[in-house]
PDB file of N, CA and C in Angstrom:
ATOM      1  N   MET A   1      13.041  31.402  25.341  1.00  0.00           N
ATOM      2  CA  MET A   1      12.503  30.745  24.166  1.00  0.00           C
ATOM      3  C   MET A   1      12.642  29.229  24.346  1.00  0.00           C
ATOM      4  N   THR A   2      11.574  28.508  24.090  1.00  0.00           N
ATOM      5  CA  THR A   2      11.608  27.058  24.258  1.00  0.00           C
ATOM      6  C   THR A   2      11.970  26.391  22.942  1.00  0.00           C
ATOM      7  N   ALA A   3      12.624  25.270  23.061  1.00  0.00           N
ATOM      8  CA  ALA A   3      12.999  24.506  21.863  1.00  0.00           C
ATOM      9  C   ALA A   3      11.756  23.851  21.285  1.00  0.00           C
ATOM     10  N   PRO A   4      11.680  23.754  19.973  1.00  0.00           N
ATOM     11  CA  PRO A   4      10.519  23.093  19.374  1.00  0.00           C
ATOM     12  C   PRO A   4      10.500  21.612  19.754  1.00  0.00           C
ATOM     13  N   SER A   5       9.318  21.111  20.004  1.00  0.00           N
ATOM     14  CA  SER A   5       9.214  19.697  20.355  1.00  0.00           C
ATOM     15  C   SER A   5       9.213  18.856  19.084  1.00  0.00           C
ATOM     16  N   LYS A   6       9.813  17.697  19.189  1.00  0.00           N
ATOM     17  CA  LYS A   6       9.854  16.794  18.045  1.00  0.00           C
ATOM     18  C   LYS A   6       8.564  15.990  18.045  1.00  0.00           C
ATOM     19  N   THR A   7       7.916  15.936  16.934  1.00  0.00           N
ATOM     20  CA  THR A   7       6.703  15.140  16.841  1.00  0.00           C
ATOM     21  C   THR A   7       7.064  13.756  16.327  1.00  0.00           C
ATOM     22  N   PHE A   8       6.325  12.787  16.795  1.00  0.00           N
ATOM     23  CA  PHE A   8       6.523  11.408  16.366  1.00  0.00           C
ATOM     24  C   PHE A   8       5.692  11.204  15.115  1.00  0.00           C
ATOM     25  N   ASP A   9       6.328  10.802  14.035  1.00  0.00           N
ATOM     26  CA  ASP A   9       5.578  10.577  12.804  1.00  0.00           C
ATOM     27  C   ASP A   9       5.729   9.126  12.360  1.00  0.00           C
ATOM     28  N   PHE A  10       5.056   8.797  11.277  1.00  0.00           N
ATOM     29  CA  PHE A  10       5.075   7.430  10.782  1.00  0.00           C
ATOM     30  C   PHE A  10       6.470   6.987  10.372  1.00  0.00           C
ATOM     31  N   GLN A  11       7.278   7.891   9.870  1.00  0.00           N
ATOM     32  CA  GLN A  11       8.639   7.527   9.490  1.00  0.00           C
ATOM     33  C   GLN A  11       9.444   7.127  10.721  1.00  0.00           C
ATOM     34  N   ASP A  12       9.260   7.854  11.828  1.00  0.00           N
ATOM     35  CA  ASP A  12       9.924   7.480  13.080  1.00  0.00           C
ATOM     36  C   ASP A  12       9.474   6.085  13.517  1.00  0.00           C
ATOM     37  N   ARG A  13       8.176   5.842  13.459  1.00  0.00           N
ATOM     38  CA  ARG A  13       7.633   4.535  13.853  1.00  0.00           C
ATOM     39  C   ARG A  13       8.211   3.440  12.976  1.00  0.00           C
ATOM     40  N   ASP A  14       8.215   3.670  11.672  1.00  0.00           N
ATOM     41  CA  ASP A  14       8.727   2.658  10.754  1.00  0.00           C
ATOM     42  C   ASP A  14      10.201   2.369  11.009  1.00  0.00           C
ATOM     43  N   ASN A  15      10.980   3.403  11.274  1.00  0.00           N
ATOM     44  CA  ASN A  15      12.400   3.189  11.573  1.00  0.00           C
ATOM     45  C   ASN A  15      12.572   2.337  12.826  1.00  0.00           C
ATOM     46  N   LEU A  16      11.764   2.586  13.840  1.00  0.00           N
ATOM     47  CA  LEU A  16      11.829   1.775  15.058  1.00  0.00           C
ATOM     48  C   LEU A  16      11.438   0.327  14.781  1.00  0.00           C
ATOM     49  N   LEU A  17      10.359   0.132  14.022  1.00  0.00           N
ATOM     50  CA  LEU A  17       9.847  -1.216  13.795  1.00  0.00           C
ATOM     51  C   LEU A  17      10.712  -2.028  12.839  1.00  0.00           C
ATOM     52  N   ARG A  18      11.632  -1.384  12.139  1.00  0.00           N
ATOM     53  CA  ARG A  18      12.578  -2.130  11.297  1.00  0.00           C
ATOM     54  C   ARG A  18      13.654  -2.801  12.139  1.00  0.00           C
ATOM     55  N   ASP A  19      13.849  -2.320  13.345  1.00  0.00           N
ATOM     56  CA  ASP A  19      14.844  -2.891  14.253  1.00  0.00           C
ATOM     57  C   ASP A  19      14.222  -4.113  14.939  1.00  0.00           C
ATOM     58  N   PRO A  20      14.791  -5.313  14.735  1.00  0.00           N
ATOM     59  CA  PRO A  20      14.197  -6.513  15.334  1.00  0.00           C
ATOM     60  C   PRO A  20      14.016  -6.423  16.851  1.00  0.00           C
ATOM     61  N   GLU A  21      14.934  -5.785  17.540  1.00  0.00           N
ATOM     62  CA  GLU A  21      14.818  -5.649  19.001  1.00  0.00           C
ATOM     63  C   GLU A  21      13.579  -4.820  19.367  1.00  0.00           C
ATOM     64  N   GLN A  22      13.405  -3.687  18.700  1.00  0.00           N
ATOM     65  CA  GLN A  22      12.249  -2.829  18.969  1.00  0.00           C
ATOM     66  C   GLN A  22      10.951  -3.506  18.529  1.00  0.00           C
ATOM     67  N   ALA A  23      10.990  -4.180  17.375  1.00  0.00           N
ATOM     68  CA  ALA A  23       9.800  -4.880  16.886  1.00  0.00           C
ATOM     69  C   ALA A  23       9.389  -5.976  17.863  1.00  0.00           C
ATOM     70  N   SER A  24      10.368  -6.684  18.429  1.00  0.00           N
ATOM     71  CA  SER A  24      10.035  -7.762  19.366  1.00  0.00           C
ATOM     72  C   SER A  24       9.393  -7.215  20.638  1.00  0.00           C
ATOM     73  N   ILE A  25       9.878  -6.084  21.115  1.00  0.00           N
ATOM     74  CA  ILE A  25       9.283  -5.458  22.304  1.00  0.00           C
ATOM     75  C   ILE A  25       7.844  -5.042  22.006  1.00  0.00           C
ATOM     76  N   TYR A  26       7.643  -4.400  20.872  1.00  0.00           N
ATOM     77  CA  TYR A  26       6.312  -3.941  20.452  1.00  0.00           C
ATOM     78  C   TYR A  26       5.343  -5.120  20.330  1.00  0.00           C
ATOM     79  N   LEU A  27       5.763  -6.176  19.641  1.00  0.00           N
ATOM     80  CA  LEU A  27       4.891  -7.334  19.453  1.00  0.00           C
ATOM     81  C   LEU A  27       4.590  -8.028  20.783  1.00  0.00           C
ATOM     82  N   ALA A  28       5.596  -8.157  21.639  1.00  0.00           N
ATOM     83  CA  ALA A  28       5.391  -8.803  22.940  1.00  0.00           C
ATOM     84  C   ALA A  28       4.399  -8.018  23.793  1.00  0.00           C
ATOM     85  N   GLU A  29       4.513  -6.702  23.787  1.00  0.00           N
ATOM     86  CA  GLU A  29       3.577  -5.867  24.552  1.00  0.00           C
ATOM     87  C   GLU A  29       2.154  -6.017  24.020  1.00  0.00           C
ATOM     88  N   CYS A  30       2.018  -6.068  22.705  1.00  0.00           N
ATOM     89  CA  CYS A  30       0.681  -6.197  22.112  1.00  0.00           C
ATOM     90  C   CYS A  30       0.077  -7.570  22.386  1.00  0.00           C
ATOM     91  N   LEU A  31       0.917  -8.562  22.588  1.00  0.00           N
ATOM     92  CA  LEU A  31       0.446  -9.924  22.841  1.00  0.00           C
ATOM     93  C   LEU A  31       0.208 -10.191  24.328  1.00  0.00           C
ATOM     94  N   GLU A  32       0.746  -9.352  25.178  1.00  0.00           N
ATOM     95  CA  GLU A  32       0.732  -9.568  26.630  1.00  0.00           C
ATOM     96  C   GLU A  32      -0.658  -9.870  27.190  1.00  0.00           C
ATOM     97  N   ASP A  33      -1.673  -9.148  26.764  1.00  0.00           N
ATOM     98  CA  ASP A  33      -3.020  -9.334  27.309  1.00  0.00           C
ATOM     99  C   ASP A  33      -3.831 -10.382  26.564  1.00  0.00           C
ATOM    100  N   GLY A  34      -3.232 -11.011  25.561  1.00  0.00           N
ATOM    101  CA  GLY A  34      -3.941 -12.043  24.815  1.00  0.00           C
ATOM    102  C   GLY A  34      -4.909 -11.504  23.780  1.00  0.00           C
ATOM    103  N   ASP A  35      -4.829 -10.227  23.469  1.00  0.00           N
ATOM    104  CA  ASP A  35      -5.706  -9.621  22.467  1.00  0.00           C
ATOM    105  C   ASP A  35      -5.141  -9.927  21.082  1.00  0.00           C
ATOM    106  N   MET A  36      -5.684 -10.967  20.441  1.00  0.00           N
ATOM    107  CA  MET A  36      -5.141 -11.417  19.164  1.00  0.00           C
ATOM    108  C   MET A  36      -5.357 -10.401  18.042  1.00  0.00           C
ATOM    109  N   GLU A  37      -6.429  -9.629  18.110  1.00  0.00           N
ATOM    110  CA  GLU A  37      -6.644  -8.596  17.093  1.00  0.00           C
ATOM    111  C   GLU A  37      -5.568  -7.516  17.185  1.00  0.00           C
ATOM    112  N   LEU A  38      -5.204  -7.141  18.396  1.00  0.00           N
ATOM    113  CA  LEU A  38      -4.148  -6.152  18.588  1.00  0.00           C
ATOM    114  C   LEU A  38      -2.807  -6.702  18.106  1.00  0.00           C
ATOM    115  N   PHE A  39      -2.526  -7.962  18.410  1.00  0.00           N
ATOM    116  CA  PHE A  39      -1.283  -8.593  17.959  1.00  0.00           C
ATOM    117  C   PHE A  39      -1.236  -8.661  16.436  1.00  0.00           C
ATOM    118  N   GLN A  40      -2.350  -8.996  15.826  1.00  0.00           N
ATOM    119  CA  GLN A  40      -2.428  -9.065  14.361  1.00  0.00           C
ATOM    120  C   GLN A  40      -2.181  -7.685  13.749  1.00  0.00           C
ATOM    121  N   GLU A  41      -2.753  -6.655  14.335  1.00  0.00           N
ATOM    122  CA  GLU A  41      -2.517  -5.289  13.863  1.00  0.00           C
ATOM    123  C   GLU A  41      -1.043  -4.914  14.018  1.00  0.00           C
ATOM    124  N   ALA A  42      -0.446  -5.323  15.128  1.00  0.00           N
ATOM    125  CA  ALA A  42       0.975  -5.047  15.352  1.00  0.00           C
ATOM    126  C   ALA A  42       1.834  -5.762  14.311  1.00  0.00           C
ATOM    127  N   LEU A  43       1.509  -7.014  14.007  1.00  0.00           N
ATOM    128  CA  LEU A  43       2.232  -7.738  12.954  1.00  0.00           C
ATOM    129  C   LEU A  43       2.125  -7.004  11.623  1.00  0.00           C
ATOM    130  N   ARG A  44       0.928  -6.530  11.331  1.00  0.00           N
ATOM    131  CA  ARG A  44       0.707  -5.781  10.088  1.00  0.00           C
ATOM    132  C   ARG A  44       1.573  -4.521  10.078  1.00  0.00           C
ATOM    133  N   ASN A  45       1.622  -3.800  11.195  1.00  0.00           N
ATOM    134  CA  ASN A  45       2.436  -2.579  11.281  1.00  0.00           C
ATOM    135  C   ASN A  45       3.916  -2.877  11.081  1.00  0.00           C
ATOM    136  N   VAL A  46       4.400  -3.950  11.702  1.00  0.00           N
ATOM    137  CA  VAL A  46       5.813  -4.311  11.562  1.00  0.00           C
ATOM    138  C   VAL A  46       6.114  -4.694  10.117  1.00  0.00           C
ATOM    139  N   ALA A  47       5.233  -5.464   9.489  1.00  0.00           N
ATOM    140  CA  ALA A  47       5.454  -5.869   8.094  1.00  0.00           C
ATOM    141  C   ALA A  47       5.461  -4.657   7.164  1.00  0.00           C
ATOM    142  N   LYS A  48       4.516  -3.758   7.352  1.00  0.00           N
ATOM    143  CA  LYS A  48       4.447  -2.562   6.502  1.00  0.00           C
ATOM    144  C   LYS A  48       5.664  -1.665   6.678  1.00  0.00           C
ATOM    145  N   ALA A  49       6.268  -1.676   7.855  1.00  0.00           N
ATOM    146  CA  ALA A  49       7.406  -0.801   8.150  1.00  0.00           C
ATOM    147  C   ALA A  49       8.694  -1.255   7.469  1.00  0.00           C
ATOM    148  N   GLN A  50       8.744  -2.512   7.060  1.00  0.00           N
ATOM    149  CA  GLN A  50       9.971  -3.043   6.471  1.00  0.00           C
ATOM    150  C   GLN A  50      10.225  -2.433   5.097  1.00  0.00           C
ATOM    151  N   ILE A  51      11.501  -2.374   4.722  1.00  0.00           N
ATOM    152  CA  ILE A  51      11.850  -1.932   3.373  1.00  0.00           C
ATOM    153  C   ILE A  51      11.217  -2.932   2.408  1.00  0.00           C
ATOM    154  N   GLY A  52      10.381  -2.456   1.521  1.00  0.00           N
ATOM    155  CA  GLY A  52       9.680  -3.338   0.597  1.00  0.00           C
ATOM    156  C   GLY A  52       8.321  -3.768   1.103  1.00  0.00           C
ATOM    157  N   GLY A  53       8.017  -3.459   2.365  1.00  0.00           N
ATOM    158  CA  GLY A  53       6.702  -3.711   2.929  1.00  0.00           C
ATOM    159  C   GLY A  53       6.322  -5.179   3.014  1.00  0.00           C
ATOM    160  N   VAL A  54       5.022  -5.415   2.998  1.00  0.00           N
ATOM    161  CA  VAL A  54       4.472  -6.758   3.147  1.00  0.00           C
ATOM    162  C   VAL A  54       4.953  -7.662   2.018  1.00  0.00           C
ATOM    163  N   ARG A  55       5.091  -7.121   0.833  1.00  0.00           N
ATOM    164  CA  ARG A  55       5.541  -7.915  -0.315  1.00  0.00           C
ATOM    165  C   ARG A  55       6.911  -8.534  -0.022  1.00  0.00           C
ATOM    166  N   ALA A  56       7.839  -7.740   0.491  1.00  0.00           N
ATOM    167  CA  ALA A  56       9.186  -8.239   0.792  1.00  0.00           C
ATOM    168  C   ALA A  56       9.145  -9.280   1.902  1.00  0.00           C
ATOM    169  N   VAL A  57       8.322  -9.051   2.909  1.00  0.00           N
ATOM    170  CA  VAL A  57       8.197 -10.016   4.007  1.00  0.00           C
ATOM    171  C   VAL A  57       7.643 -11.331   3.470  1.00  0.00           C
ATOM    172  N   ALA A  58       6.638 -11.260   2.606  1.00  0.00           N
ATOM    173  CA  ALA A  58       6.058 -12.469   2.013  1.00  0.00           C
ATOM    174  C   ALA A  58       7.114 -13.253   1.238  1.00  0.00           C
ATOM    175  N   GLU A  59       7.915 -12.563   0.453  1.00  0.00           N
ATOM    176  CA  GLU A  59       8.966 -13.239  -0.319  1.00  0.00           C
ATOM    177  C   GLU A  59       9.966 -13.922   0.604  1.00  0.00           C
ATOM    178  N   GLN A  60      10.411 -13.210   1.638  1.00  0.00           N
ATOM    179  CA  GLN A  60      11.399 -13.779   2.563  1.00  0.00           C
ATOM    180  C   GLN A  60      10.823 -14.948   3.362  1.00  0.00           C
ATOM    181  N   ALA A  61       9.514 -14.914   3.601  1.00  0.00           N
ATOM    182  CA  ALA A  61       8.851 -15.971   4.368  1.00  0.00           C
ATOM    183  C   ALA A  61       8.402 -17.128   3.481  1.00  0.00           C
ATOM    184  N   HIS A  62       8.601 -17.001   2.172  1.00  0.00           N
ATOM    185  CA  HIS A  62       8.155 -18.009   1.202  1.00  0.00           C
ATOM    186  C   HIS A  62       6.644 -18.217   1.292  1.00  0.00           C
ATOM    187  N   LEU A  63       5.934 -17.090   1.380  1.00  0.00           N
ATOM    188  CA  LEU A  63       4.472 -17.076   1.399  1.00  0.00           C
ATOM    189  C   LEU A  63       3.996 -16.246   0.221  1.00  0.00           C
ATOM    190  N   SER A  64       2.797 -16.540  -0.265  1.00  0.00           N
ATOM    191  CA  SER A  64       2.270 -15.695  -1.336  1.00  0.00           C
ATOM    192  C   SER A  64       1.866 -14.346  -0.740  1.00  0.00           C
ATOM    193  N   ARG A  65       2.091 -13.313  -1.508  1.00  0.00           N
ATOM    194  CA  ARG A  65       1.757 -11.962  -1.061  1.00  0.00           C
ATOM    195  C   ARG A  65       0.275 -11.864  -0.728  1.00  0.00           C
ATOM    196  N   GLU A  66      -0.565 -12.448  -1.584  1.00  0.00           N
ATOM    197  CA  GLU A  66      -2.013 -12.381  -1.377  1.00  0.00           C
ATOM    198  C   GLU A  66      -2.415 -13.054  -0.069  1.00  0.00           C
ATOM    199  N   ASN A  67      -1.833 -14.225   0.199  1.00  0.00           N
ATOM    200  CA  ASN A  67      -2.179 -14.931   1.438  1.00  0.00           C
ATOM    201  C   ASN A  67      -1.724 -14.165   2.671  1.00  0.00           C
ATOM    202  N   LEU A  68      -0.557 -13.532   2.586  1.00  0.00           N
ATOM    203  CA  LEU A  68      -0.085 -12.771   3.741  1.00  0.00           C
ATOM    204  C   LEU A  68      -0.955 -11.537   3.965  1.00  0.00           C
ATOM    205  N   TYR A  69      -1.311 -10.842   2.883  1.00  0.00           N
ATOM    206  CA  TYR A  69      -2.218  -9.696   3.031  1.00  0.00           C
ATOM    207  C   TYR A  69      -3.540 -10.150   3.645  1.00  0.00           C
ATOM    208  N   ARG A  70      -4.063 -11.272   3.177  1.00  0.00           N
ATOM    209  CA  ARG A  70      -5.334 -11.782   3.694  1.00  0.00           C
ATOM    210  C   ARG A  70      -5.194 -12.151   5.179  1.00  0.00           C
ATOM    211  N   ALA A  71      -4.101 -12.812   5.528  1.00  0.00           N
ATOM    212  CA  ALA A  71      -3.888 -13.225   6.922  1.00  0.00           C
ATOM    213  C   ALA A  71      -3.773 -12.023   7.854  1.00  0.00           C
ATOM    214  N   LEU A  72      -3.198 -10.934   7.352  1.00  0.00           N
ATOM    215  CA  LEU A  72      -2.997  -9.748   8.187  1.00  0.00           C
ATOM    216  C   LEU A  72      -4.155  -8.758   8.134  1.00  0.00           C
ATOM    217  N   SER A  73      -5.155  -9.051   7.304  1.00  0.00           N
ATOM    218  CA  SER A  73      -6.302  -8.144   7.207  1.00  0.00           C
ATOM    219  C   SER A  73      -7.108  -8.190   8.503  1.00  0.00           C
ATOM    220  N   LYS A  74      -7.982  -7.222   8.687  1.00  0.00           N
ATOM    221  CA  LYS A  74      -8.784  -7.162   9.917  1.00  0.00           C
ATOM    222  C   LYS A  74      -9.630  -8.411  10.114  1.00  0.00           C
ATOM    223  N   ASN A  75     -10.063  -9.031   9.018  1.00  0.00           N
ATOM    224  CA  ASN A  75     -10.875 -10.241   9.118  1.00  0.00           C
ATOM    225  C   ASN A  75     -10.043 -11.509   8.983  1.00  0.00           C
ATOM    226  N   GLY A  76      -8.737 -11.362   8.847  1.00  0.00           N
ATOM    227  CA  GLY A  76      -7.856 -12.509   8.659  1.00  0.00           C
ATOM    228  C   GLY A  76      -7.696 -13.329   9.928  1.00  0.00           C
ATOM    229  N   LYS A  77      -7.444 -14.583   9.737  1.00  0.00           N
ATOM    230  CA  LYS A  77      -7.176 -15.515  10.838  1.00  0.00           C
ATOM    231  C   LYS A  77      -5.889 -16.264  10.486  1.00  0.00           C
ATOM    232  N   PRO A  78      -4.736 -15.628  10.706  1.00  0.00           N
ATOM    233  CA  PRO A  78      -3.487 -16.275  10.296  1.00  0.00           C
ATOM    234  C   PRO A  78      -3.217 -17.550  11.088  1.00  0.00           C
ATOM    235  N   GLN A  79      -2.749 -18.565  10.378  1.00  0.00           N
ATOM    236  CA  GLN A  79      -2.372 -19.811  11.028  1.00  0.00           C
ATOM    237  C   GLN A  79      -1.040 -19.615  11.738  1.00  0.00           C
ATOM    238  N   LEU A  80      -0.800 -20.432  12.733  1.00  0.00           N
ATOM    239  CA  LEU A  80       0.440 -20.353  13.496  1.00  0.00           C
ATOM    240  C   LEU A  80       1.657 -20.501  12.581  1.00  0.00           C
ATOM    241  N   GLU A  81       1.578 -21.393  11.605  1.00  0.00           N
ATOM    242  CA  GLU A  81       2.688 -21.591  10.668  1.00  0.00           C
ATOM    243  C   GLU A  81       2.977 -20.311   9.884  1.00  0.00           C
ATOM    244  N   THR A  82       1.935 -19.605   9.472  1.00  0.00           N
ATOM    245  CA  THR A  82       2.105 -18.349   8.739  1.00  0.00           C
ATOM    246  C   THR A  82       2.783 -17.308   9.619  1.00  0.00           C
ATOM    247  N   VAL A  83       2.324 -17.183  10.853  1.00  0.00           N
ATOM    248  CA  VAL A  83       2.914 -16.212  11.780  1.00  0.00           C
ATOM    249  C   VAL A  83       4.373 -16.574  12.055  1.00  0.00           C
ATOM    250  N   SER A  84       4.651 -17.850  12.229  1.00  0.00           N
ATOM    251  CA  SER A  84       6.014 -18.294  12.494  1.00  0.00           C
ATOM    252  C   SER A  84       6.943 -17.974  11.322  1.00  0.00           C
ATOM    253  N   LYS A  85       6.497 -18.229  10.096  1.00  0.00           N
ATOM    254  CA  LYS A  85       7.303 -17.916   8.909  1.00  0.00           C
ATOM    255  C   LYS A  85       7.516 -16.415   8.778  1.00  0.00           C
ATOM    256  N   MET A  86       6.471 -15.663   9.074  1.00  0.00           N
ATOM    257  CA  MET A  86       6.575 -14.208   8.997  1.00  0.00           C
ATOM    258  C   MET A  86       7.571 -13.684  10.022  1.00  0.00           C
ATOM    259  N   LEU A  87       7.474 -14.161  11.250  1.00  0.00           N
ATOM    260  CA  LEU A  87       8.403 -13.732  12.292  1.00  0.00           C
ATOM    261  C   LEU A  87       9.839 -14.075  11.908  1.00  0.00           C
ATOM    262  N   SER A  88      10.035 -15.254  11.357  1.00  0.00           N
ATOM    263  CA  SER A  88      11.373 -15.661  10.931  1.00  0.00           C
ATOM    264  C   SER A  88      11.910 -14.714   9.863  1.00  0.00           C
ATOM    265  N   ALA A  89      11.067 -14.334   8.921  1.00  0.00           N
ATOM    266  CA  ALA A  89      11.469 -13.400   7.867  1.00  0.00           C
ATOM    267  C   ALA A  89      11.827 -12.033   8.445  1.00  0.00           C
ATOM    268  N   LEU A  90      11.246 -11.698   9.587  1.00  0.00           N
ATOM    269  CA  LEU A  90      11.517 -10.420  10.249  1.00  0.00           C
ATOM    270  C   LEU A  90      12.706 -10.508  11.211  1.00  0.00           C
ATOM    271  N   GLY A  91      13.315 -11.692  11.287  1.00  0.00           N
ATOM    272  CA  GLY A  91      14.442 -11.869  12.201  1.00  0.00           C
ATOM    273  C   GLY A  91      14.000 -12.102  13.632  1.00  0.00           C
ATOM    274  N   LEU A  92      12.780 -12.616  13.797  1.00  0.00           N
ATOM    275  CA  LEU A  92      12.207 -12.851  15.121  1.00  0.00           C
ATOM    276  C   LEU A  92      11.801 -14.309  15.251  1.00  0.00           C
ATOM    277  N   LYS A  93      11.468 -14.739  16.470  1.00  0.00           N
ATOM    278  CA  LYS A  93      10.970 -16.090  16.687  1.00  0.00           C
ATOM    279  C   LYS A  93      10.017 -16.096  17.870  1.00  0.00           C
ATOM    280  N   PHE A  94       9.178 -17.137  17.909  1.00  0.00           N
ATOM    281  CA  PHE A  94       8.291 -17.344  19.047  1.00  0.00           C
ATOM    282  C   PHE A  94       9.090 -17.891  20.217  1.00  0.00           C
ATOM    283  N   THR A  95       8.697 -17.498  21.405  1.00  0.00           N
ATOM    284  CA  THR A  95       9.198 -18.142  22.617  1.00  0.00           C
ATOM    285  C   THR A  95       8.017 -18.360  23.549  1.00  0.00           C
ATOM    286  N   VAL A  96       8.120 -19.384  24.356  1.00  0.00           N
ATOM    287  CA  VAL A  96       7.071 -19.689  25.323  1.00  0.00           C
ATOM    288  C   VAL A  96       7.688 -19.581  26.711  1.00  0.00           C
ATOM    289  N   THR A  97       7.000 -18.866  27.583  1.00  0.00           N
ATOM    290  CA  THR A  97       7.483 -18.690  28.950  1.00  0.00           C
ATOM    291  C   THR A  97       6.367 -19.045  29.927  1.00  0.00           C
ATOM    292  N   PRO A  98       6.706 -19.379  31.160  1.00  0.00           N
ATOM    293  CA  PRO A  98       5.673 -19.677  32.151  1.00  0.00           C
ATOM    294  C   PRO A  98       4.801 -18.446  32.410  1.00  0.00           C
ATOM    295  N   ALA A  99       3.518 -18.698  32.586  1.00  0.00           N
ATOM    296  CA  ALA A  99       2.599 -17.614  32.930  1.00  0.00           C
ATOM    297  C   ALA A  99       2.819 -17.238  34.387  1.00  0.00           C
ATOM    298  N   HIS A 100       2.751 -15.967  34.669  1.00  0.00           N
ATOM    299  CA  HIS A 100       2.885 -15.499  36.053  1.00  0.00           C
ATOM    300  C   HIS A 100       1.529 -15.591  36.721  1.00  0.00           C
ATOM    301  N   ARG A 101       1.486 -16.282  37.831  1.00  0.00           N
ATOM    302  CA  ARG A 101       0.201 -16.454  38.527  1.00  0.00           C
ATOM    303  C   ARG A 101       0.246 -15.822  39.871  1.00  0.00           C
TER     304      ARG A 101
END
């Protein structure tokens, strides 16, 4: 008899994305190829996974909830300052490293 396999569900994903270390790995991987739409979607996923969701992230980042929702929407174009404040609220920060050539 085989053991039942564990399925990955949204609760598992959210628990992982609440951990700043795991969230940073996820965001870095999504940003690796320069696909800004994918990175924006990843930011949205990390924000939604937090206790209190996007609303709580907006409060901690000192941003209006409406502006953060708009910035993270599929048609949103978040400014660097908005992303930086959001990352800070998530316990993360930007870093710049040399490109590998």
